[in-house]
Amino acid sequence: MRALILFLLAPIAIFAQPFSAGIKAGIPITDPLTVPQNGLVQYTAPTQRYIVGGVAELHLPAGFGIEFDALYRNLQYSSIAGATNILSASGSNWEFPLLLKYRFHAPLVRPFVDAGVAWDTITGLKENINQIVSSSPQELQHNTSMGVVVGAGVDIHPIFLHISPEIRYTWWATRQIDSVQSTFDVLRSNQNQVEFLVGITF
């Protein structure tokens, strides 16, 4: 009976082994928006406290793997110009990294490095200026951007679970948010992004 159960479960184990999926969450170490103060327009951009999404990985021989993430964060900013011109904006920010990962050989805790490319897109961004809502904020210069990603972490593998804390750096090629008042840049996307992420996969 035991042999029969092992025989029936073997194809499932073989099929499932090269692929894992789960959730990934973390916090930004750098703010997505920078807010210089020039005295003309006072912008504020609340620090986003969380990043959350899904992760899938194809495991390859010799410790290599290919990982794809879909990570979400909220995007907000506001400004005051003069006594009456009050602006607030909010939307969704999605990040899609595609990474080549290498795990060093170890029995339980395996260090890893990864590198690849990422795409970032802003959706549903709307601004409210004195109770007038617009879906075309003047600060939004590009809906999408592409970047280069490098990271390092450890893969903790108790039984069937993978827990993977990681520090990740991304350099974005373009600024999606860039507000120009006269000759002053008063709000812009941070092209250097550092995140702390933890993945839990099965």
N, C-alpha and C. Protein backbone atom coordinates (compact mmCIF):
# COMPACT_ATOMS: atom_id res chain seq x y z
N MET A 1 0.82 -1.21 0.00
CA MET A 1 0.00 0.00 0.00
C MET A 1 0.86 1.27 0.00
N ARG A 2 1.90 1.26 0.84
CA ARG A 2 2.81 2.41 0.89
C ARG A 2 3.50 2.62 -0.44
N ALA A 3 3.92 1.53 -1.07
CA ALA A 3 4.58 1.63 -2.37
C ALA A 3 3.63 2.20 -3.43
N LEU A 4 2.33 1.82 -3.34
CA LEU A 4 1.36 2.31 -4.29
C LEU A 4 1.15 3.82 -4.14
N ILE A 5 1.08 4.30 -2.88
CA ILE A 5 0.92 5.74 -2.63
C ILE A 5 2.11 6.53 -3.16
N LEU A 6 3.33 6.02 -2.91
CA LEU A 6 4.52 6.69 -3.41
C LEU A 6 4.54 6.72 -4.93
N PHE A 7 4.10 5.64 -5.54
CA PHE A 7 4.05 5.57 -7.00
C PHE A 7 3.09 6.61 -7.58
N LEU A 8 1.93 6.79 -6.89
CA LEU A 8 0.94 7.74 -7.38
C LEU A 8 1.37 9.19 -7.15
N LEU A 9 2.10 9.45 -6.06
CA LEU A 9 2.51 10.81 -5.74
C LEU A 9 3.78 11.24 -6.47
N ALA A 10 4.55 10.31 -6.97
CA ALA A 10 5.82 10.63 -7.62
C ALA A 10 5.67 11.58 -8.80
N PRO A 11 4.70 11.36 -9.74
CA PRO A 11 4.57 12.31 -10.86
C PRO A 11 4.22 13.71 -10.40
N ILE A 12 3.42 13.83 -9.32
CA ILE A 12 3.06 15.15 -8.82
C ILE A 12 4.29 15.87 -8.27
N ALA A 13 5.10 15.14 -7.52
CA ALA A 13 6.30 15.74 -6.95
C ALA A 13 7.28 16.17 -8.03
N ILE A 14 7.44 15.34 -9.05
CA ILE A 14 8.36 15.66 -10.15
C ILE A 14 7.89 16.89 -10.90
N PHE A 15 6.56 16.97 -11.12
CA PHE A 15 6.01 18.11 -11.86
C PHE A 15 6.11 19.40 -11.04
N ALA A 16 5.87 19.30 -9.71
CA ALA A 16 5.80 20.50 -8.88
C ALA A 16 7.18 21.03 -8.53
N GLN A 17 8.18 20.19 -8.53
CA GLN A 17 9.50 20.59 -8.05
C GLN A 17 10.10 21.78 -8.79
N PRO A 18 10.01 21.87 -10.13
CA PRO A 18 10.67 22.99 -10.82
C PRO A 18 9.96 24.33 -10.65
N PHE A 19 8.78 24.36 -10.05
CA PHE A 19 8.00 25.59 -10.01
C PHE A 19 7.52 25.87 -8.59
N SER A 20 7.60 27.13 -8.17
CA SER A 20 7.05 27.53 -6.88
C SER A 20 6.37 28.88 -7.04
N ALA A 21 5.40 29.14 -6.17
CA ALA A 21 4.65 30.40 -6.22
C ALA A 21 4.22 30.76 -4.81
N GLY A 22 3.92 32.04 -4.61
CA GLY A 22 3.50 32.48 -3.28
C GLY A 22 3.29 33.97 -3.24
N ILE A 23 3.58 34.56 -2.09
CA ILE A 23 3.37 35.98 -1.89
C ILE A 23 4.70 36.66 -1.57
N LYS A 24 4.75 37.95 -1.83
CA LYS A 24 5.93 38.74 -1.51
C LYS A 24 5.46 40.08 -0.95
N ALA A 25 6.07 40.50 0.16
CA ALA A 25 5.70 41.77 0.78
C ALA A 25 6.95 42.41 1.36
N GLY A 26 6.86 43.72 1.62
CA GLY A 26 8.01 44.40 2.17
C GLY A 26 7.76 45.87 2.38
N ILE A 27 8.85 46.60 2.54
CA ILE A 27 8.78 48.04 2.79
C ILE A 27 9.79 48.74 1.90
N PRO A 28 9.48 49.95 1.45
CA PRO A 28 10.47 50.73 0.70
C PRO A 28 11.48 51.36 1.65
N ILE A 29 12.75 51.27 1.32
CA ILE A 29 13.80 51.94 2.10
C ILE A 29 14.01 53.36 1.60
N THR A 30 13.82 53.58 0.30
CA THR A 30 13.85 54.92 -0.26
C THR A 30 12.44 55.32 -0.68
N ASP A 31 12.12 56.60 -0.58
CA ASP A 31 10.80 57.08 -0.99
C ASP A 31 10.68 57.07 -2.51
N PRO A 32 9.51 56.69 -3.03
CA PRO A 32 9.34 56.70 -4.50
C PRO A 32 9.32 58.09 -5.10
N LEU A 33 8.97 59.10 -4.31
CA LEU A 33 8.94 60.48 -4.80
C LEU A 33 9.86 61.35 -3.96
N THR A 34 10.58 62.25 -4.61
CA THR A 34 11.40 63.23 -3.91
C THR A 34 10.69 64.58 -3.96
N VAL A 35 10.80 65.32 -2.89
CA VAL A 35 10.06 66.58 -2.76
C VAL A 35 11.02 67.71 -2.38
N PRO A 36 11.74 68.29 -3.33
CA PRO A 36 12.55 69.47 -3.02
C PRO A 36 11.65 70.64 -2.64
N GLN A 37 12.15 71.52 -1.80
CA GLN A 37 11.38 72.69 -1.37
C GLN A 37 11.98 73.93 -2.03
N ASN A 38 11.19 74.57 -2.90
CA ASN A 38 11.70 75.77 -3.56
C ASN A 38 10.99 77.05 -3.14
N GLY A 39 9.99 76.93 -2.27
CA GLY A 39 9.30 78.11 -1.78
C GLY A 39 8.12 78.55 -2.62
N LEU A 40 7.98 78.05 -3.85
CA LEU A 40 6.86 78.45 -4.71
C LEU A 40 5.65 77.54 -4.50
N VAL A 41 5.89 76.24 -4.54
CA VAL A 41 4.83 75.26 -4.34
C VAL A 41 5.30 74.28 -3.28
N GLN A 42 4.47 74.03 -2.29
CA GLN A 42 4.82 73.13 -1.21
C GLN A 42 4.18 71.76 -1.45
N TYR A 43 5.00 70.84 -1.97
CA TYR A 43 4.52 69.47 -2.21
C TYR A 43 4.83 68.60 -0.99
N THR A 44 3.96 67.65 -0.76
CA THR A 44 4.21 66.60 0.23
C THR A 44 3.87 65.26 -0.42
N ALA A 45 4.65 64.24 -0.06
CA ALA A 45 4.44 62.88 -0.59
C ALA A 45 4.61 61.92 0.57
N PRO A 46 3.51 61.40 1.14
CA PRO A 46 3.62 60.50 2.29
C PRO A 46 4.44 59.26 1.95
N THR A 47 5.29 58.85 2.89
CA THR A 47 6.08 57.64 2.70
C THR A 47 5.16 56.42 2.65
N GLN A 48 5.31 55.62 1.61
CA GLN A 48 4.49 54.42 1.46
C GLN A 48 5.07 53.32 2.34
N ARG A 49 4.26 52.78 3.24
CA ARG A 49 4.74 51.87 4.27
C ARG A 49 4.76 50.41 3.86
N TYR A 50 4.20 50.07 2.72
CA TYR A 50 4.13 48.65 2.38
C TYR A 50 4.24 48.43 0.88
N ILE A 51 4.69 47.24 0.53
CA ILE A 51 4.69 46.71 -0.83
C ILE A 51 4.14 45.30 -0.72
N VAL A 52 3.24 44.89 -1.59
CA VAL A 52 2.66 43.56 -1.49
C VAL A 52 2.33 43.05 -2.89
N GLY A 53 2.41 41.73 -3.07
CA GLY A 53 2.10 41.16 -4.38
C GLY A 53 2.35 39.68 -4.43
N GLY A 54 2.49 39.18 -5.64
CA GLY A 54 2.70 37.75 -5.85
C GLY A 54 4.05 37.48 -6.48
N VAL A 55 4.52 36.24 -6.33
CA VAL A 55 5.81 35.83 -6.87
C VAL A 55 5.68 34.42 -7.44
N ALA A 56 6.35 34.18 -8.55
CA ALA A 56 6.43 32.85 -9.15
C ALA A 56 7.87 32.62 -9.60
N GLU A 57 8.34 31.39 -9.43
CA GLU A 57 9.72 31.08 -9.80
C GLU A 57 9.81 29.73 -10.49
N LEU A 58 10.55 29.72 -11.57
CA LEU A 58 10.89 28.48 -12.27
C LEU A 58 12.29 28.08 -11.84
N HIS A 59 12.41 26.91 -11.20
CA HIS A 59 13.71 26.44 -10.70
C HIS A 59 14.45 25.69 -11.81
N LEU A 60 15.70 26.10 -12.04
CA LEU A 60 16.54 25.51 -13.07
C LEU A 60 17.66 24.71 -12.42
N PRO A 61 18.36 23.89 -13.18
CA PRO A 61 19.48 23.13 -12.60
C PRO A 61 20.61 24.03 -12.12
N ALA A 62 21.48 23.46 -11.29
CA ALA A 62 22.72 24.09 -10.81
C ALA A 62 22.49 25.33 -9.96
N GLY A 63 21.34 25.40 -9.29
CA GLY A 63 21.08 26.52 -8.38
C GLY A 63 20.47 27.75 -9.02
N PHE A 64 20.21 27.72 -10.32
CA PHE A 64 19.64 28.88 -11.01
C PHE A 64 18.11 28.84 -10.96
N GLY A 65 17.51 30.00 -11.18
CA GLY A 65 16.07 30.11 -11.25
C GLY A 65 15.67 31.38 -11.97
N ILE A 66 14.44 31.42 -12.45
CA ILE A 66 13.87 32.61 -13.08
C ILE A 66 12.66 33.03 -12.26
N GLU A 67 12.68 34.26 -11.77
CA GLU A 67 11.61 34.75 -10.90
C GLU A 67 10.85 35.89 -11.56
N PHE A 68 9.53 35.89 -11.37
CA PHE A 68 8.68 36.98 -11.85
C PHE A 68 7.80 37.44 -10.70
N ASP A 69 7.78 38.75 -10.46
CA ASP A 69 6.98 39.32 -9.38
C ASP A 69 5.95 40.29 -9.95
N ALA A 70 4.85 40.46 -9.23
CA ALA A 70 3.88 41.52 -9.48
C ALA A 70 3.64 42.22 -8.15
N LEU A 71 4.20 43.42 -7.99
CA LEU A 71 4.22 44.11 -6.70
C LEU A 71 3.41 45.41 -6.78
N TYR A 72 2.62 45.62 -5.73
CA TYR A 72 1.72 46.79 -5.70
C TYR A 72 2.09 47.71 -4.55
N ARG A 73 1.97 49.02 -4.80
CA ARG A 73 2.05 50.02 -3.74
C ARG A 73 1.13 51.18 -4.11
N ASN A 74 0.69 51.90 -3.10
CA ASN A 74 -0.15 53.07 -3.32
C ASN A 74 0.74 54.29 -3.57
N LEU A 75 0.28 55.19 -4.43
CA LEU A 75 1.03 56.40 -4.76
C LEU A 75 0.18 57.62 -4.41
N GLN A 76 0.74 58.52 -3.61
CA GLN A 76 0.02 59.72 -3.20
C GLN A 76 0.95 60.92 -3.16
N TYR A 77 0.39 62.08 -3.47
CA TYR A 77 1.09 63.34 -3.24
C TYR A 77 0.07 64.47 -3.19
N SER A 78 0.47 65.60 -2.64
CA SER A 78 -0.41 66.75 -2.54
C SER A 78 0.43 68.02 -2.57
N SER A 79 -0.23 69.15 -2.78
CA SER A 79 0.50 70.42 -2.82
C SER A 79 -0.44 71.56 -2.45
N ILE A 80 0.19 72.65 -2.02
CA ILE A 80 -0.53 73.88 -1.74
C ILE A 80 0.23 75.02 -2.41
N ALA A 81 -0.47 75.78 -3.24
CA ALA A 81 0.13 76.95 -3.90
C ALA A 81 -0.72 78.16 -3.55
N GLY A 82 -0.17 79.06 -2.79
CA GLY A 82 -0.95 80.20 -2.35
C GLY A 82 -1.92 79.80 -1.25
N ALA A 83 -3.04 80.51 -1.16
CA ALA A 83 -4.00 80.25 -0.08
C ALA A 83 -5.13 79.35 -0.51
N THR A 84 -5.38 79.22 -1.81
CA THR A 84 -6.59 78.52 -2.25
C THR A 84 -6.33 77.35 -3.19
N ASN A 85 -5.18 77.31 -3.85
CA ASN A 85 -4.93 76.25 -4.84
C ASN A 85 -4.41 75.00 -4.12
N ILE A 86 -5.32 74.08 -3.82
CA ILE A 86 -4.99 72.87 -3.07
C ILE A 86 -5.15 71.66 -3.99
N LEU A 87 -4.09 70.87 -4.09
CA LEU A 87 -4.09 69.70 -4.98
C LEU A 87 -3.78 68.44 -4.18
N SER A 88 -4.50 67.37 -4.50
CA SER A 88 -4.18 66.05 -3.96
C SER A 88 -4.35 65.02 -5.06
N ALA A 89 -3.49 64.01 -5.06
CA ALA A 89 -3.53 62.98 -6.11
C ALA A 89 -3.22 61.62 -5.50
N SER A 90 -3.84 60.58 -6.07
CA SER A 90 -3.57 59.22 -5.61
C SER A 90 -3.83 58.25 -6.76
N GLY A 91 -3.12 57.12 -6.71
CA GLY A 91 -3.27 56.11 -7.75
C GLY A 91 -2.57 54.84 -7.35
N SER A 92 -2.47 53.92 -8.29
CA SER A 92 -1.84 52.62 -8.04
C SER A 92 -0.52 52.53 -8.79
N ASN A 93 0.47 51.96 -8.14
CA ASN A 93 1.79 51.79 -8.74
C ASN A 93 2.13 50.30 -8.76
N TRP A 94 2.28 49.73 -9.95
CA TRP A 94 2.58 48.31 -10.12
C TRP A 94 3.99 48.14 -10.66
N GLU A 95 4.70 47.19 -10.09
CA GLU A 95 6.08 46.90 -10.48
C GLU A 95 6.18 45.42 -10.87
N PHE A 96 6.83 45.14 -12.02
CA PHE A 96 6.91 43.78 -12.55
C PHE A 96 8.37 43.40 -12.83
N PRO A 97 9.10 42.91 -11.83
CA PRO A 97 10.49 42.48 -12.06
C PRO A 97 10.55 41.07 -12.66
N LEU A 98 11.49 40.89 -13.58
CA LEU A 98 11.82 39.58 -14.16
C LEU A 98 13.30 39.35 -13.90
N LEU A 99 13.62 38.33 -13.09
CA LEU A 99 14.98 38.19 -12.55
C LEU A 99 15.56 36.81 -12.81
N LEU A 100 16.86 36.78 -13.03
CA LEU A 100 17.62 35.54 -13.02
C LEU A 100 18.25 35.42 -11.64
N LYS A 101 18.01 34.29 -10.96
CA LYS A 101 18.45 34.10 -9.57
C LYS A 101 19.43 32.95 -9.49
N TYR A 102 20.43 33.11 -8.62
CA TYR A 102 21.37 32.02 -8.35
C TYR A 102 21.45 31.79 -6.84
N ARG A 103 21.19 30.55 -6.43
CA ARG A 103 21.31 30.16 -5.02
C ARG A 103 22.62 29.41 -4.80
N PHE A 104 23.35 29.82 -3.78
CA PHE A 104 24.56 29.10 -3.41
C PHE A 104 24.17 27.84 -2.63
N HIS A 105 24.99 26.83 -2.79
CA HIS A 105 24.66 25.54 -2.19
C HIS A 105 24.83 25.58 -0.67
N ALA A 106 23.78 25.19 0.06
CA ALA A 106 23.80 25.09 1.52
C ALA A 106 22.60 24.23 1.91
N PRO A 107 22.64 23.56 3.05
CA PRO A 107 21.58 22.62 3.39
C PRO A 107 20.25 23.27 3.75
N LEU A 108 20.25 24.32 4.59
CA LEU A 108 18.99 24.89 5.07
C LEU A 108 18.84 26.37 4.72
N VAL A 109 19.89 27.16 4.91
CA VAL A 109 19.88 28.59 4.58
C VAL A 109 20.82 28.83 3.41
N ARG A 110 20.24 29.19 2.27
CA ARG A 110 21.03 29.33 1.05
C ARG A 110 21.07 30.80 0.61
N PRO A 111 22.24 31.44 0.68
CA PRO A 111 22.35 32.81 0.14
C PRO A 111 22.07 32.82 -1.36
N PHE A 112 21.53 33.93 -1.85
CA PHE A 112 21.28 34.04 -3.29
C PHE A 112 21.52 35.47 -3.75
N VAL A 113 21.76 35.58 -5.04
CA VAL A 113 21.84 36.87 -5.72
C VAL A 113 20.91 36.81 -6.92
N ASP A 114 20.38 37.96 -7.31
CA ASP A 114 19.54 38.01 -8.50
C ASP A 114 19.75 39.32 -9.24
N ALA A 115 19.40 39.31 -10.51
CA ALA A 115 19.53 40.49 -11.35
C ALA A 115 18.59 40.34 -12.54
N GLY A 116 18.18 41.48 -13.07
CA GLY A 116 17.28 41.42 -14.23
C GLY A 116 16.73 42.79 -14.57
N VAL A 117 15.52 42.79 -15.11
CA VAL A 117 14.86 44.02 -15.53
C VAL A 117 13.51 44.12 -14.84
N ALA A 118 12.96 45.33 -14.83
CA ALA A 118 11.65 45.54 -14.23
C ALA A 118 10.88 46.58 -15.03
N TRP A 119 9.58 46.44 -14.99
CA TRP A 119 8.68 47.41 -15.60
C TRP A 119 7.80 47.99 -14.51
N ASP A 120 7.59 49.30 -14.57
CA ASP A 120 6.77 49.98 -13.57
C ASP A 120 5.66 50.73 -14.30
N THR A 121 4.44 50.61 -13.79
CA THR A 121 3.32 51.31 -14.42
C THR A 121 2.45 51.96 -13.36
N ILE A 122 1.99 53.15 -13.65
CA ILE A 122 1.08 53.89 -12.77
C ILE A 122 -0.30 53.85 -13.39
N THR A 123 -1.29 53.40 -12.63
CA THR A 123 -2.66 53.29 -13.13
C THR A 123 -3.61 54.04 -12.20
N GLY A 124 -4.68 54.53 -12.77
CA GLY A 124 -5.75 55.15 -11.99
C GLY A 124 -5.35 56.40 -11.23
N LEU A 125 -4.30 57.09 -11.69
CA LEU A 125 -3.86 58.30 -10.99
C LEU A 125 -4.81 59.45 -11.30
N LYS A 126 -5.41 60.00 -10.26
CA LYS A 126 -6.34 61.12 -10.40
C LYS A 126 -5.95 62.22 -9.43
N GLU A 127 -6.12 63.46 -9.88
CA GLU A 127 -5.84 64.59 -9.01
C GLU A 127 -7.11 65.38 -8.75
N ASN A 128 -7.15 65.94 -7.57
CA ASN A 128 -8.28 66.76 -7.14
C ASN A 128 -7.75 68.15 -6.83
N ILE A 129 -8.16 69.13 -7.65
CA ILE A 129 -7.73 70.52 -7.45
C ILE A 129 -8.96 71.33 -7.09
N ASN A 130 -9.05 71.72 -5.83
CA ASN A 130 -10.19 72.51 -5.36
C ASN A 130 -11.52 71.86 -5.74
N GLN A 131 -11.60 70.55 -5.47
CA GLN A 131 -12.81 69.75 -5.69
C GLN A 131 -13.09 69.46 -7.17
N ILE A 132 -12.15 69.75 -8.05
CA ILE A 132 -12.30 69.41 -9.46
C ILE A 132 -11.37 68.23 -9.75
N VAL A 133 -11.94 67.10 -10.17
CA VAL A 133 -11.18 65.87 -10.36
C VAL A 133 -10.74 65.74 -11.81
N SER A 134 -9.47 65.38 -12.00
CA SER A 134 -8.92 65.17 -13.34
C SER A 134 -8.18 63.84 -13.37
N SER A 135 -8.30 63.13 -14.48
CA SER A 135 -7.57 61.87 -14.67
C SER A 135 -6.29 62.07 -15.47
N SER A 136 -5.90 63.33 -15.70
CA SER A 136 -4.67 63.65 -16.43
C SER A 136 -3.83 64.63 -15.62
N PRO A 137 -3.22 64.17 -14.52
CA PRO A 137 -2.41 65.07 -13.70
C PRO A 137 -1.23 65.63 -14.49
N GLN A 138 -0.94 66.91 -14.28
CA GLN A 138 0.16 67.53 -15.00
C GLN A 138 1.51 66.97 -14.55
N GLU A 139 1.57 66.40 -13.34
CA GLU A 139 2.83 65.84 -12.85
C GLU A 139 3.18 64.52 -13.52
N LEU A 140 2.20 63.83 -14.09
CA LEU A 140 2.45 62.52 -14.70
C LEU A 140 3.04 62.70 -16.10
N GLN A 141 4.31 62.34 -16.25
CA GLN A 141 4.99 62.48 -17.53
C GLN A 141 5.00 61.18 -18.33
N HIS A 142 5.09 60.04 -17.63
CA HIS A 142 5.12 58.73 -18.29
C HIS A 142 4.34 57.73 -17.43
N ASN A 143 3.45 56.99 -18.07
CA ASN A 143 2.72 55.94 -17.33
C ASN A 143 3.62 54.77 -16.97
N THR A 144 4.61 54.49 -17.81
CA THR A 144 5.45 53.31 -17.60
C THR A 144 6.92 53.71 -17.61
N SER A 145 7.72 52.85 -16.98
CA SER A 145 9.16 53.01 -16.99
C SER A 145 9.81 51.64 -16.93
N MET A 146 11.04 51.55 -17.39
CA MET A 146 11.79 50.30 -17.35
C MET A 146 13.06 50.52 -16.52
N GLY A 147 13.46 49.48 -15.79
CA GLY A 147 14.62 49.62 -14.94
C GLY A 147 15.48 48.38 -14.88
N VAL A 148 16.63 48.53 -14.23
CA VAL A 148 17.59 47.44 -14.02
C VAL A 148 17.59 47.10 -12.54
N VAL A 149 17.57 45.80 -12.23
CA VAL A 149 17.41 45.33 -10.85
C VAL A 149 18.59 44.45 -10.45
N VAL A 150 19.09 44.64 -9.22
CA VAL A 150 20.04 43.71 -8.60
C VAL A 150 19.60 43.51 -7.15
N GLY A 151 19.84 42.32 -6.62
CA GLY A 151 19.43 42.05 -5.26
C GLY A 151 20.24 40.92 -4.65
N ALA A 152 20.09 40.77 -3.33
CA ALA A 152 20.76 39.69 -2.61
C ALA A 152 19.95 39.36 -1.36
N GLY A 153 19.97 38.08 -0.97
CA GLY A 153 19.23 37.66 0.21
C GLY A 153 19.57 36.25 0.59
N VAL A 154 18.71 35.64 1.38
CA VAL A 154 18.88 34.25 1.79
C VAL A 154 17.57 33.52 1.59
N ASP A 155 17.67 32.26 1.22
CA ASP A 155 16.50 31.38 1.06
C ASP A 155 16.50 30.39 2.22
N ILE A 156 15.56 30.55 3.14
CA ILE A 156 15.40 29.64 4.27
C ILE A 156 14.36 28.60 3.90
N HIS A 157 14.73 27.34 3.98
CA HIS A 157 13.89 26.28 3.41
C HIS A 157 13.57 25.21 4.46
N PRO A 158 12.62 25.53 5.38
CA PRO A 158 12.18 24.50 6.33
C PRO A 158 11.08 23.63 5.72
N ILE A 159 11.35 22.37 5.55
CA ILE A 159 10.40 21.38 5.00
C ILE A 159 9.96 21.81 3.60
N PHE A 160 8.68 22.18 3.43
CA PHE A 160 8.16 22.47 2.09
C PHE A 160 8.07 23.97 1.80
N LEU A 161 8.49 24.81 2.74
CA LEU A 161 8.32 26.25 2.62
C LEU A 161 9.64 26.92 2.27
N HIS A 162 9.57 28.01 1.47
CA HIS A 162 10.73 28.86 1.20
C HIS A 162 10.43 30.25 1.74
N ILE A 163 11.27 30.74 2.65
CA ILE A 163 11.16 32.10 3.18
C ILE A 163 12.40 32.85 2.74
N SER A 164 12.20 33.94 1.98
CA SER A 164 13.33 34.59 1.30
C SER A 164 13.36 36.08 1.55
N PRO A 165 14.00 36.54 2.64
CA PRO A 165 14.23 37.98 2.82
C PRO A 165 15.32 38.47 1.86
N GLU A 166 15.13 39.70 1.37
CA GLU A 166 16.03 40.20 0.32
C GLU A 166 16.10 41.72 0.35
N ILE A 167 17.28 42.25 0.05
CA ILE A 167 17.45 43.67 -0.23
C ILE A 167 17.59 43.82 -1.74
N ARG A 168 16.79 44.72 -2.32
CA ARG A 168 16.76 44.85 -3.78
C ARG A 168 16.93 46.32 -4.18
N TYR A 169 17.77 46.54 -5.19
CA TYR A 169 17.99 47.88 -5.74
C TYR A 169 17.53 47.92 -7.19
N THR A 170 16.80 49.00 -7.55
CA THR A 170 16.34 49.20 -8.92
C THR A 170 16.69 50.60 -9.38
N TRP A 171 17.24 50.70 -10.58
CA TRP A 171 17.48 52.00 -11.20
C TRP A 171 16.50 52.14 -12.36
N TRP A 172 15.66 53.20 -12.32
CA TRP A 172 14.65 53.43 -13.35
C TRP A 172 15.19 54.38 -14.41
N ALA A 173 14.90 54.08 -15.67
CA ALA A 173 15.46 54.85 -16.78
C ALA A 173 14.79 56.21 -16.94
N THR A 174 13.50 56.30 -16.59
CA THR A 174 12.77 57.57 -16.76
C THR A 174 12.03 57.92 -15.47
N ARG A 175 11.76 59.20 -15.31
CA ARG A 175 10.94 59.67 -14.19
C ARG A 175 9.48 59.72 -14.64
N GLN A 176 8.63 58.95 -13.99
CA GLN A 176 7.22 58.97 -14.36
C GLN A 176 6.52 60.22 -13.84
N ILE A 177 6.89 60.63 -12.63
CA ILE A 177 6.33 61.85 -12.05
C ILE A 177 7.40 62.93 -12.10
N ASP A 178 7.08 64.07 -12.69
CA ASP A 178 8.04 65.18 -12.76
C ASP A 178 7.24 66.46 -12.96
N SER A 179 7.14 67.25 -11.92
CA SER A 179 6.37 68.49 -11.98
C SER A 179 7.33 69.66 -12.11
N VAL A 180 7.05 70.53 -13.05
CA VAL A 180 7.90 71.70 -13.29
C VAL A 180 7.04 72.95 -13.14
N GLN A 181 7.38 73.78 -12.19
CA GLN A 181 6.74 75.08 -12.02
C GLN A 181 7.77 76.15 -12.38
N SER A 182 7.52 76.89 -13.44
CA SER A 182 8.49 77.84 -13.99
C SER A 182 9.76 77.07 -14.34
N THR A 183 10.88 77.39 -13.71
CA THR A 183 12.13 76.67 -13.98
C THR A 183 12.51 75.76 -12.81
N PHE A 184 11.56 75.48 -11.91
CA PHE A 184 11.87 74.72 -10.71
C PHE A 184 11.25 73.32 -10.79
N ASP A 185 12.05 72.31 -10.52
CA ASP A 185 11.54 70.94 -10.39
C ASP A 185 11.11 70.75 -8.95
N VAL A 186 9.81 70.58 -8.71
CA VAL A 186 9.33 70.56 -7.33
C VAL A 186 8.85 69.19 -6.88
N LEU A 187 8.62 68.27 -7.77
CA LEU A 187 8.19 66.92 -7.42
C LEU A 187 8.66 65.99 -8.52
N ARG A 188 9.33 64.91 -8.15
CA ARG A 188 9.80 64.00 -9.18
C ARG A 188 9.96 62.60 -8.63
N SER A 189 9.87 61.62 -9.54
CA SER A 189 10.11 60.23 -9.16
C SER A 189 11.57 60.02 -8.80
N ASN A 190 11.80 59.16 -7.83
CA ASN A 190 13.15 58.78 -7.44
C ASN A 190 13.61 57.65 -8.36
N GLN A 191 14.65 57.91 -9.14
CA GLN A 191 15.13 56.89 -10.07
C GLN A 191 15.94 55.80 -9.39
N ASN A 192 16.37 56.03 -8.16
CA ASN A 192 17.09 55.02 -7.38
C ASN A 192 16.17 54.48 -6.30
N GLN A 193 15.85 53.20 -6.39
CA GLN A 193 14.87 52.59 -5.50
C GLN A 193 15.51 51.43 -4.74
N VAL A 194 15.36 51.44 -3.41
CA VAL A 194 15.84 50.35 -2.57
C VAL A 194 14.66 49.81 -1.76
N GLU A 195 14.51 48.50 -1.74
CA GLU A 195 13.39 47.86 -1.05
C GLU A 195 13.89 46.69 -0.20
N PHE A 196 13.19 46.44 0.90
CA PHE A 196 13.37 45.22 1.66
C PHE A 196 12.13 44.36 1.45
N LEU A 197 12.32 43.17 0.92
CA LEU A 197 11.21 42.30 0.57
C LEU A 197 11.38 40.92 1.22
N VAL A 198 10.26 40.29 1.50
CA VAL A 198 10.26 38.92 2.02
C VAL A 198 9.27 38.11 1.17
N GLY A 199 9.77 37.04 0.56
CA GLY A 199 8.92 36.15 -0.21
C GLY A 199 8.64 34.86 0.55
N ILE A 200 7.41 34.38 0.45
CA ILE A 200 7.01 33.09 1.03
C ILE A 200 6.41 32.27 -0.10
N THR A 201 7.11 31.21 -0.49
CA THR A 201 6.66 30.40 -1.62
C THR A 201 6.55 28.94 -1.21
N PHE A 202 5.76 28.21 -1.99
CA PHE A 202 5.52 26.79 -1.74
C PHE A 202 5.96 25.96 -2.94
